[in-house]
Amino acid sequence: MKSVPIHKGEALFDYIPQRPPFVLVDTLYEKGALHVQSGFSIKADHPMVQQGVLTEGGLVENIAQTAALFAGVRFVDQGLPVPVGYIAGIKELEIKSLPPVGSKIFTTTTLTHDLMNIQVVEGNIFDEQDQLIARCELRIFIKGDE
């Protein structure tokens, strides 16, 4: 699951619109034609951490930001500007556990459908032992040129 990082830290800001303190990806491990894998180290002072764990909303946002990372990498690799996307829908959300502060999660999003300005991605989050801790399908509206 884990490999050598392609990009880390602020270098990811070239691909995603989010900025601190609301960033939920800190490493790009893998990129492919239809997927990316990100990593995120959970820190106690993050706004999406409560009672020592990353919240359910934080897990969903981590999947969404990993999907944004995929779109950003895909567009930049084609010489295009990074698009803005909005979550249009969440399906089949399953959360098995909430990762604690001090741990790292690894998220893979895979593009399953790309219809005009809507991308459908499957997101899976794993813990450091490669156990699935959360998954869902996201429908993302990609804002076109005005």
N, C-alpha and C. Protein backbone atom coordinates (compact mmCIF):
# COMPACT_ATOMS: atom_id res chain seq x y z
N MET A 1 0.84 -1.20 0.00
CA MET A 1 0.00 0.00 0.00
C MET A 1 0.87 1.25 0.00
N LYS A 2 1.81 1.37 0.94
CA LYS A 2 2.62 2.57 1.01
C LYS A 2 3.83 2.44 0.09
N SER A 3 4.26 3.55 -0.46
CA SER A 3 5.44 3.56 -1.31
C SER A 3 6.20 4.86 -1.09
N VAL A 4 7.14 5.13 -1.95
CA VAL A 4 7.95 6.35 -1.85
C VAL A 4 7.10 7.55 -2.27
N PRO A 5 7.10 8.63 -1.49
CA PRO A 5 6.29 9.80 -1.85
C PRO A 5 6.71 10.43 -3.18
N ILE A 6 5.71 10.87 -3.95
CA ILE A 6 5.95 11.63 -5.17
C ILE A 6 6.04 13.11 -4.82
N HIS A 7 5.10 13.58 -4.00
CA HIS A 7 5.07 14.97 -3.51
C HIS A 7 4.65 14.94 -2.05
N LYS A 8 5.13 15.95 -1.29
CA LYS A 8 4.78 16.06 0.13
C LYS A 8 4.52 17.52 0.48
N GLY A 9 3.78 17.71 1.56
CA GLY A 9 3.60 19.03 2.15
C GLY A 9 3.05 20.08 1.21
N GLU A 10 3.67 21.27 1.24
CA GLU A 10 3.16 22.40 0.48
C GLU A 10 3.20 22.19 -1.03
N ALA A 11 4.00 21.24 -1.52
CA ALA A 11 4.03 20.94 -2.96
C ALA A 11 2.65 20.49 -3.45
N LEU A 12 1.83 19.94 -2.54
CA LEU A 12 0.49 19.49 -2.92
C LEU A 12 -0.44 20.67 -3.21
N PHE A 13 -0.09 21.86 -2.71
CA PHE A 13 -0.93 23.04 -2.95
C PHE A 13 -0.99 23.40 -4.43
N ASP A 14 -0.08 22.86 -5.24
CA ASP A 14 -0.16 23.07 -6.69
C ASP A 14 -1.33 22.30 -7.31
N TYR A 15 -1.90 21.34 -6.56
CA TYR A 15 -2.92 20.44 -7.11
C TYR A 15 -4.28 20.53 -6.43
N ILE A 16 -4.33 21.10 -5.23
CA ILE A 16 -5.59 21.16 -4.49
C ILE A 16 -5.92 22.60 -4.11
N PRO A 17 -7.21 22.93 -3.98
CA PRO A 17 -7.57 24.30 -3.60
C PRO A 17 -7.52 24.54 -2.08
N GLN A 18 -7.54 23.51 -1.27
CA GLN A 18 -7.58 23.67 0.18
C GLN A 18 -6.26 24.23 0.71
N ARG A 19 -6.38 24.95 1.81
CA ARG A 19 -5.21 25.53 2.47
C ARG A 19 -5.34 25.30 3.98
N PRO A 20 -4.19 25.35 4.70
CA PRO A 20 -4.25 25.18 6.16
C PRO A 20 -5.21 26.19 6.77
N PRO A 21 -5.90 25.81 7.81
CA PRO A 21 -5.73 24.57 8.58
C PRO A 21 -6.62 23.43 8.09
N PHE A 22 -7.25 23.58 6.92
CA PHE A 22 -8.25 22.61 6.51
C PHE A 22 -7.74 21.58 5.50
N VAL A 23 -6.44 21.39 5.42
CA VAL A 23 -5.86 20.40 4.50
C VAL A 23 -5.89 19.03 5.17
N LEU A 24 -6.36 18.02 4.42
CA LEU A 24 -6.44 16.66 4.94
C LEU A 24 -5.68 15.66 4.07
N VAL A 25 -4.73 16.14 3.29
CA VAL A 25 -3.77 15.30 2.57
C VAL A 25 -2.41 15.95 2.73
N ASP A 26 -1.38 15.15 3.01
CA ASP A 26 -0.05 15.74 3.13
C ASP A 26 1.01 15.02 2.30
N THR A 27 0.62 13.93 1.63
CA THR A 27 1.56 13.18 0.81
C THR A 27 0.84 12.58 -0.39
N LEU A 28 1.48 12.65 -1.55
CA LEU A 28 1.01 11.93 -2.74
C LEU A 28 1.96 10.77 -2.94
N TYR A 29 1.42 9.54 -2.82
CA TYR A 29 2.25 8.34 -2.95
C TYR A 29 2.22 7.74 -4.35
N GLU A 30 1.07 7.82 -4.98
CA GLU A 30 0.92 7.12 -6.25
C GLU A 30 -0.07 7.86 -7.12
N LYS A 31 0.20 7.88 -8.42
CA LYS A 31 -0.76 8.45 -9.36
C LYS A 31 -0.82 7.55 -10.58
N GLY A 32 -2.03 7.38 -11.09
CA GLY A 32 -2.23 6.57 -12.28
C GLY A 32 -3.29 7.22 -13.15
N ALA A 33 -3.60 6.59 -14.24
CA ALA A 33 -4.58 7.14 -15.18
C ALA A 33 -5.95 7.31 -14.55
N LEU A 34 -6.29 6.43 -13.59
CA LEU A 34 -7.63 6.47 -12.99
C LEU A 34 -7.61 6.56 -11.46
N HIS A 35 -6.44 6.73 -10.85
CA HIS A 35 -6.41 6.74 -9.38
C HIS A 35 -5.23 7.54 -8.84
N VAL A 36 -5.33 7.89 -7.57
CA VAL A 36 -4.21 8.40 -6.79
C VAL A 36 -4.28 7.78 -5.40
N GLN A 37 -3.12 7.79 -4.73
CA GLN A 37 -3.09 7.40 -3.32
C GLN A 37 -2.42 8.52 -2.55
N SER A 38 -3.11 8.99 -1.50
CA SER A 38 -2.58 10.04 -0.64
C SER A 38 -2.32 9.49 0.75
N GLY A 39 -1.60 10.29 1.54
CA GLY A 39 -1.40 9.99 2.94
C GLY A 39 -1.73 11.22 3.76
N PHE A 40 -2.08 11.00 5.02
CA PHE A 40 -2.36 12.11 5.92
C PHE A 40 -2.00 11.71 7.34
N SER A 41 -1.14 12.52 7.98
CA SER A 41 -0.75 12.31 9.37
C SER A 41 -1.69 13.12 10.26
N ILE A 42 -2.34 12.46 11.19
CA ILE A 42 -3.37 13.09 12.01
C ILE A 42 -2.73 13.77 13.23
N LYS A 43 -2.95 15.08 13.31
CA LYS A 43 -2.38 15.88 14.40
C LYS A 43 -3.50 16.39 15.32
N ALA A 44 -3.18 16.53 16.58
CA ALA A 44 -4.17 16.89 17.59
C ALA A 44 -4.81 18.25 17.35
N ASP A 45 -4.09 19.18 16.72
CA ASP A 45 -4.62 20.53 16.56
C ASP A 45 -5.42 20.72 15.27
N HIS A 46 -5.65 19.65 14.53
CA HIS A 46 -6.42 19.79 13.28
C HIS A 46 -7.89 20.07 13.63
N PRO A 47 -8.56 20.98 12.88
CA PRO A 47 -9.96 21.32 13.17
C PRO A 47 -10.93 20.15 13.06
N MET A 48 -10.56 19.09 12.32
CA MET A 48 -11.46 17.95 12.16
C MET A 48 -11.17 16.83 13.17
N VAL A 49 -10.34 17.11 14.16
CA VAL A 49 -10.06 16.16 15.23
C VAL A 49 -10.87 16.54 16.45
N GLN A 50 -11.56 15.57 17.01
CA GLN A 50 -12.31 15.76 18.26
C GLN A 50 -12.08 14.55 19.14
N GLN A 51 -11.88 14.78 20.41
CA GLN A 51 -11.70 13.72 21.40
C GLN A 51 -10.63 12.72 20.97
N GLY A 52 -9.56 13.23 20.35
CA GLY A 52 -8.41 12.40 20.03
C GLY A 52 -8.50 11.56 18.76
N VAL A 53 -9.56 11.77 17.97
CA VAL A 53 -9.70 11.01 16.71
C VAL A 53 -10.12 11.94 15.58
N LEU A 54 -9.81 11.54 14.34
CA LEU A 54 -10.30 12.25 13.18
C LEU A 54 -11.78 11.92 13.02
N THR A 55 -12.62 12.94 12.89
CA THR A 55 -14.07 12.75 12.85
C THR A 55 -14.53 12.11 11.54
N GLU A 56 -15.79 11.69 11.54
CA GLU A 56 -16.41 11.13 10.34
C GLU A 56 -16.34 12.14 9.19
N GLY A 57 -16.64 13.41 9.50
CA GLY A 57 -16.56 14.45 8.48
C GLY A 57 -15.14 14.62 7.96
N GLY A 58 -14.17 14.45 8.83
CA GLY A 58 -12.77 14.52 8.41
C GLY A 58 -12.41 13.40 7.45
N LEU A 59 -12.96 12.20 7.70
CA LEU A 59 -12.70 11.08 6.79
C LEU A 59 -13.31 11.33 5.41
N VAL A 60 -14.53 11.83 5.38
CA VAL A 60 -15.18 12.13 4.10
C VAL A 60 -14.41 13.24 3.38
N GLU A 61 -14.01 14.26 4.11
CA GLU A 61 -13.25 15.35 3.50
C GLU A 61 -11.88 14.87 3.01
N ASN A 62 -11.27 13.93 3.71
CA ASN A 62 -10.01 13.34 3.25
C ASN A 62 -10.20 12.64 1.90
N ILE A 63 -11.29 11.90 1.75
CA ILE A 63 -11.58 11.26 0.46
C ILE A 63 -11.81 12.33 -0.61
N ALA A 64 -12.57 13.37 -0.27
CA ALA A 64 -12.85 14.45 -1.22
C ALA A 64 -11.56 15.16 -1.64
N GLN A 65 -10.67 15.42 -0.68
CA GLN A 65 -9.41 16.09 -1.03
C GLN A 65 -8.48 15.18 -1.83
N THR A 66 -8.55 13.88 -1.59
CA THR A 66 -7.77 12.95 -2.41
C THR A 66 -8.32 12.93 -3.83
N ALA A 67 -9.65 13.02 -3.97
CA ALA A 67 -10.25 13.12 -5.30
C ALA A 67 -9.84 14.43 -5.97
N ALA A 68 -9.78 15.51 -5.20
CA ALA A 68 -9.32 16.80 -5.75
C ALA A 68 -7.86 16.70 -6.18
N LEU A 69 -7.07 15.98 -5.41
CA LEU A 69 -5.67 15.76 -5.76
C LEU A 69 -5.57 15.02 -7.09
N PHE A 70 -6.42 14.00 -7.27
CA PHE A 70 -6.44 13.27 -8.55
C PHE A 70 -6.76 14.21 -9.70
N ALA A 71 -7.83 15.00 -9.54
CA ALA A 71 -8.22 15.92 -10.61
C ALA A 71 -7.11 16.93 -10.88
N GLY A 72 -6.50 17.47 -9.83
CA GLY A 72 -5.44 18.44 -10.00
C GLY A 72 -4.24 17.86 -10.73
N VAL A 73 -3.80 16.68 -10.33
CA VAL A 73 -2.66 16.03 -10.98
C VAL A 73 -3.00 15.74 -12.44
N ARG A 74 -4.20 15.25 -12.67
CA ARG A 74 -4.63 14.90 -14.04
C ARG A 74 -4.63 16.14 -14.94
N PHE A 75 -5.17 17.25 -14.45
CA PHE A 75 -5.22 18.47 -15.25
C PHE A 75 -3.82 19.05 -15.46
N VAL A 76 -3.01 19.12 -14.40
CA VAL A 76 -1.65 19.67 -14.52
C VAL A 76 -0.83 18.83 -15.50
N ASP A 77 -0.96 17.51 -15.43
CA ASP A 77 -0.22 16.64 -16.35
C ASP A 77 -0.61 16.90 -17.81
N GLN A 78 -1.82 17.44 -18.03
CA GLN A 78 -2.28 17.77 -19.38
C GLN A 78 -1.99 19.23 -19.74
N GLY A 79 -1.30 19.95 -18.84
CA GLY A 79 -0.98 21.34 -19.08
C GLY A 79 -2.15 22.28 -18.88
N LEU A 80 -3.15 21.85 -18.12
CA LEU A 80 -4.35 22.64 -17.88
C LEU A 80 -4.36 23.17 -16.45
N PRO A 81 -5.10 24.27 -16.19
CA PRO A 81 -5.19 24.77 -14.82
C PRO A 81 -5.99 23.80 -13.93
N VAL A 82 -5.67 23.83 -12.65
CA VAL A 82 -6.35 22.97 -11.67
C VAL A 82 -7.82 23.41 -11.57
N PRO A 83 -8.75 22.46 -11.71
CA PRO A 83 -10.17 22.82 -11.65
C PRO A 83 -10.67 22.95 -10.21
N VAL A 84 -11.81 23.59 -10.08
CA VAL A 84 -12.50 23.64 -8.79
C VAL A 84 -13.62 22.60 -8.86
N GLY A 85 -13.75 21.82 -7.80
CA GLY A 85 -14.79 20.80 -7.75
C GLY A 85 -15.62 20.94 -6.50
N TYR A 86 -16.84 20.43 -6.58
CA TYR A 86 -17.78 20.47 -5.45
C TYR A 86 -18.39 19.08 -5.28
N ILE A 87 -18.54 18.65 -4.03
CA ILE A 87 -19.19 17.37 -3.78
C ILE A 87 -20.66 17.50 -4.15
N ALA A 88 -21.10 16.67 -5.09
CA ALA A 88 -22.49 16.69 -5.54
C ALA A 88 -23.30 15.58 -4.87
N GLY A 89 -22.61 14.58 -4.33
CA GLY A 89 -23.32 13.50 -3.66
C GLY A 89 -22.36 12.50 -3.04
N ILE A 90 -22.83 11.86 -1.98
CA ILE A 90 -22.07 10.81 -1.28
C ILE A 90 -22.97 9.59 -1.21
N LYS A 91 -22.45 8.44 -1.63
CA LYS A 91 -23.22 7.20 -1.58
C LYS A 91 -22.43 6.12 -0.86
N GLU A 92 -23.15 5.22 -0.25
CA GLU A 92 -22.58 4.01 0.35
C GLU A 92 -21.44 4.31 1.33
N LEU A 93 -21.62 5.35 2.14
CA LEU A 93 -20.61 5.69 3.14
C LEU A 93 -20.57 4.61 4.21
N GLU A 94 -19.37 4.12 4.47
CA GLU A 94 -19.16 3.11 5.50
C GLU A 94 -17.93 3.52 6.31
N ILE A 95 -18.12 3.71 7.60
CA ILE A 95 -17.01 4.06 8.48
C ILE A 95 -16.87 2.96 9.53
N LYS A 96 -15.73 2.30 9.50
CA LYS A 96 -15.49 1.17 10.40
C LYS A 96 -14.81 1.60 11.70
N SER A 97 -13.95 2.64 11.61
CA SER A 97 -13.27 3.14 12.80
C SER A 97 -12.77 4.55 12.54
N LEU A 98 -12.50 5.26 13.63
CA LEU A 98 -11.98 6.62 13.55
C LEU A 98 -10.50 6.58 13.95
N PRO A 99 -9.62 7.04 13.06
CA PRO A 99 -8.18 6.95 13.35
C PRO A 99 -7.75 7.96 14.42
N PRO A 100 -6.87 7.52 15.32
CA PRO A 100 -6.45 8.39 16.42
C PRO A 100 -5.35 9.37 16.02
N VAL A 101 -5.25 10.42 16.81
CA VAL A 101 -4.16 11.38 16.68
C VAL A 101 -2.84 10.61 16.75
N GLY A 102 -1.89 11.02 15.91
CA GLY A 102 -0.58 10.37 15.88
C GLY A 102 -0.47 9.27 14.84
N SER A 103 -1.61 8.88 14.27
CA SER A 103 -1.56 7.83 13.24
C SER A 103 -1.56 8.45 11.86
N LYS A 104 -1.36 7.62 10.86
CA LYS A 104 -1.37 8.06 9.47
C LYS A 104 -2.38 7.21 8.72
N ILE A 105 -3.12 7.87 7.83
CA ILE A 105 -4.07 7.15 6.98
C ILE A 105 -3.61 7.24 5.54
N PHE A 106 -4.06 6.28 4.74
CA PHE A 106 -3.70 6.18 3.34
C PHE A 106 -5.00 6.04 2.55
N THR A 107 -5.21 6.94 1.60
CA THR A 107 -6.48 7.01 0.90
C THR A 107 -6.26 6.85 -0.59
N THR A 108 -7.07 5.99 -1.18
CA THR A 108 -7.04 5.80 -2.62
C THR A 108 -8.39 6.21 -3.19
N THR A 109 -8.36 7.06 -4.20
CA THR A 109 -9.58 7.35 -4.95
C THR A 109 -9.37 6.86 -6.37
N THR A 110 -10.42 6.21 -6.88
CA THR A 110 -10.39 5.66 -8.22
C THR A 110 -11.56 6.23 -9.01
N LEU A 111 -11.26 6.79 -10.16
CA LEU A 111 -12.29 7.34 -11.04
C LEU A 111 -13.04 6.17 -11.68
N THR A 112 -14.36 6.11 -11.45
CA THR A 112 -15.17 5.04 -12.03
C THR A 112 -16.02 5.52 -13.20
N HIS A 113 -16.40 6.81 -13.19
CA HIS A 113 -17.16 7.41 -14.29
C HIS A 113 -16.75 8.87 -14.44
N ASP A 114 -16.70 9.32 -15.67
CA ASP A 114 -16.36 10.71 -15.97
C ASP A 114 -17.32 11.17 -17.05
N LEU A 115 -18.40 11.84 -16.63
CA LEU A 115 -19.47 12.23 -17.54
C LEU A 115 -19.58 13.75 -17.57
N MET A 116 -19.12 14.35 -18.64
CA MET A 116 -19.14 15.80 -18.81
C MET A 116 -18.45 16.46 -17.62
N ASN A 117 -19.18 17.17 -16.77
CA ASN A 117 -18.57 17.86 -15.63
C ASN A 117 -18.76 17.10 -14.32
N ILE A 118 -19.16 15.84 -14.38
CA ILE A 118 -19.35 15.05 -13.17
C ILE A 118 -18.35 13.89 -13.16
N GLN A 119 -17.60 13.79 -12.07
CA GLN A 119 -16.72 12.64 -11.87
C GLN A 119 -17.30 11.81 -10.73
N VAL A 120 -17.31 10.49 -10.91
CA VAL A 120 -17.70 9.58 -9.85
C VAL A 120 -16.44 8.83 -9.43
N VAL A 121 -16.14 8.91 -8.14
CA VAL A 121 -14.94 8.25 -7.62
C VAL A 121 -15.30 7.34 -6.47
N GLU A 122 -14.55 6.26 -6.38
CA GLU A 122 -14.65 5.36 -5.23
C GLU A 122 -13.47 5.67 -4.33
N GLY A 123 -13.74 5.95 -3.06
CA GLY A 123 -12.69 6.27 -2.11
C GLY A 123 -12.58 5.24 -1.02
N ASN A 124 -11.36 4.85 -0.69
CA ASN A 124 -11.09 3.89 0.38
C ASN A 124 -9.96 4.42 1.24
N ILE A 125 -10.17 4.40 2.56
CA ILE A 125 -9.15 4.84 3.52
C ILE A 125 -8.68 3.62 4.32
N PHE A 126 -7.35 3.51 4.41
CA PHE A 126 -6.74 2.41 5.15
C PHE A 126 -5.88 2.96 6.27
N ASP A 127 -5.74 2.17 7.34
CA ASP A 127 -4.84 2.57 8.43
C ASP A 127 -3.43 2.06 8.14
N GLU A 128 -2.55 2.23 9.09
CA GLU A 128 -1.15 1.84 8.90
C GLU A 128 -0.95 0.33 8.81
N GLN A 129 -1.95 -0.43 9.20
CA GLN A 129 -1.89 -1.89 9.09
C GLN A 129 -2.64 -2.38 7.84
N ASP A 130 -2.94 -1.46 6.93
CA ASP A 130 -3.66 -1.75 5.69
C ASP A 130 -5.07 -2.30 5.92
N GLN A 131 -5.67 -1.91 7.04
CA GLN A 131 -7.06 -2.29 7.32
C GLN A 131 -7.98 -1.18 6.82
N LEU A 132 -9.03 -1.56 6.11
CA LEU A 132 -10.00 -0.59 5.61
C LEU A 132 -10.72 0.05 6.80
N ILE A 133 -10.69 1.39 6.87
CA ILE A 133 -11.39 2.05 7.98
C ILE A 133 -12.58 2.87 7.49
N ALA A 134 -12.59 3.23 6.19
CA ALA A 134 -13.74 3.98 5.67
C ALA A 134 -13.75 3.88 4.15
N ARG A 135 -14.96 4.03 3.59
CA ARG A 135 -15.10 4.00 2.14
C ARG A 135 -16.38 4.73 1.75
N CYS A 136 -16.43 5.21 0.53
CA CYS A 136 -17.66 5.78 -0.02
C CYS A 136 -17.48 6.03 -1.50
N GLU A 137 -18.59 6.37 -2.13
CA GLU A 137 -18.57 6.83 -3.51
C GLU A 137 -18.91 8.30 -3.49
N LEU A 138 -18.13 9.11 -4.19
CA LEU A 138 -18.39 10.54 -4.28
C LEU A 138 -18.74 10.91 -5.72
N ARG A 139 -19.71 11.78 -5.85
CA ARG A 139 -20.00 12.40 -7.14
C ARG A 139 -19.51 13.84 -7.00
N ILE A 140 -18.64 14.23 -7.93
CA ILE A 140 -18.00 15.53 -7.84
C ILE A 140 -18.31 16.32 -9.09
N PHE A 141 -18.84 17.52 -8.89
CA PHE A 141 -19.09 18.44 -9.99
C PHE A 141 -17.83 19.26 -10.22
N ILE A 142 -17.29 19.17 -11.42
CA ILE A 142 -16.09 19.94 -11.78
C ILE A 142 -16.56 21.22 -12.49
N LYS A 143 -16.25 22.35 -11.87
CA LYS A 143 -16.67 23.64 -12.43
C LYS A 143 -15.90 23.89 -13.74
N GLY A 144 -16.67 24.19 -14.80
CA GLY A 144 -16.05 24.47 -16.10
C GLY A 144 -15.65 25.91 -16.22
N ASP A 145 -15.01 26.24 -17.33
CA ASP A 145 -14.63 27.62 -17.61
C ASP A 145 -15.86 28.49 -17.76
N GLU A 146 -15.79 29.68 -17.24
CA GLU A 146 -16.91 30.61 -17.32
C GLU A 146 -16.87 31.36 -18.63
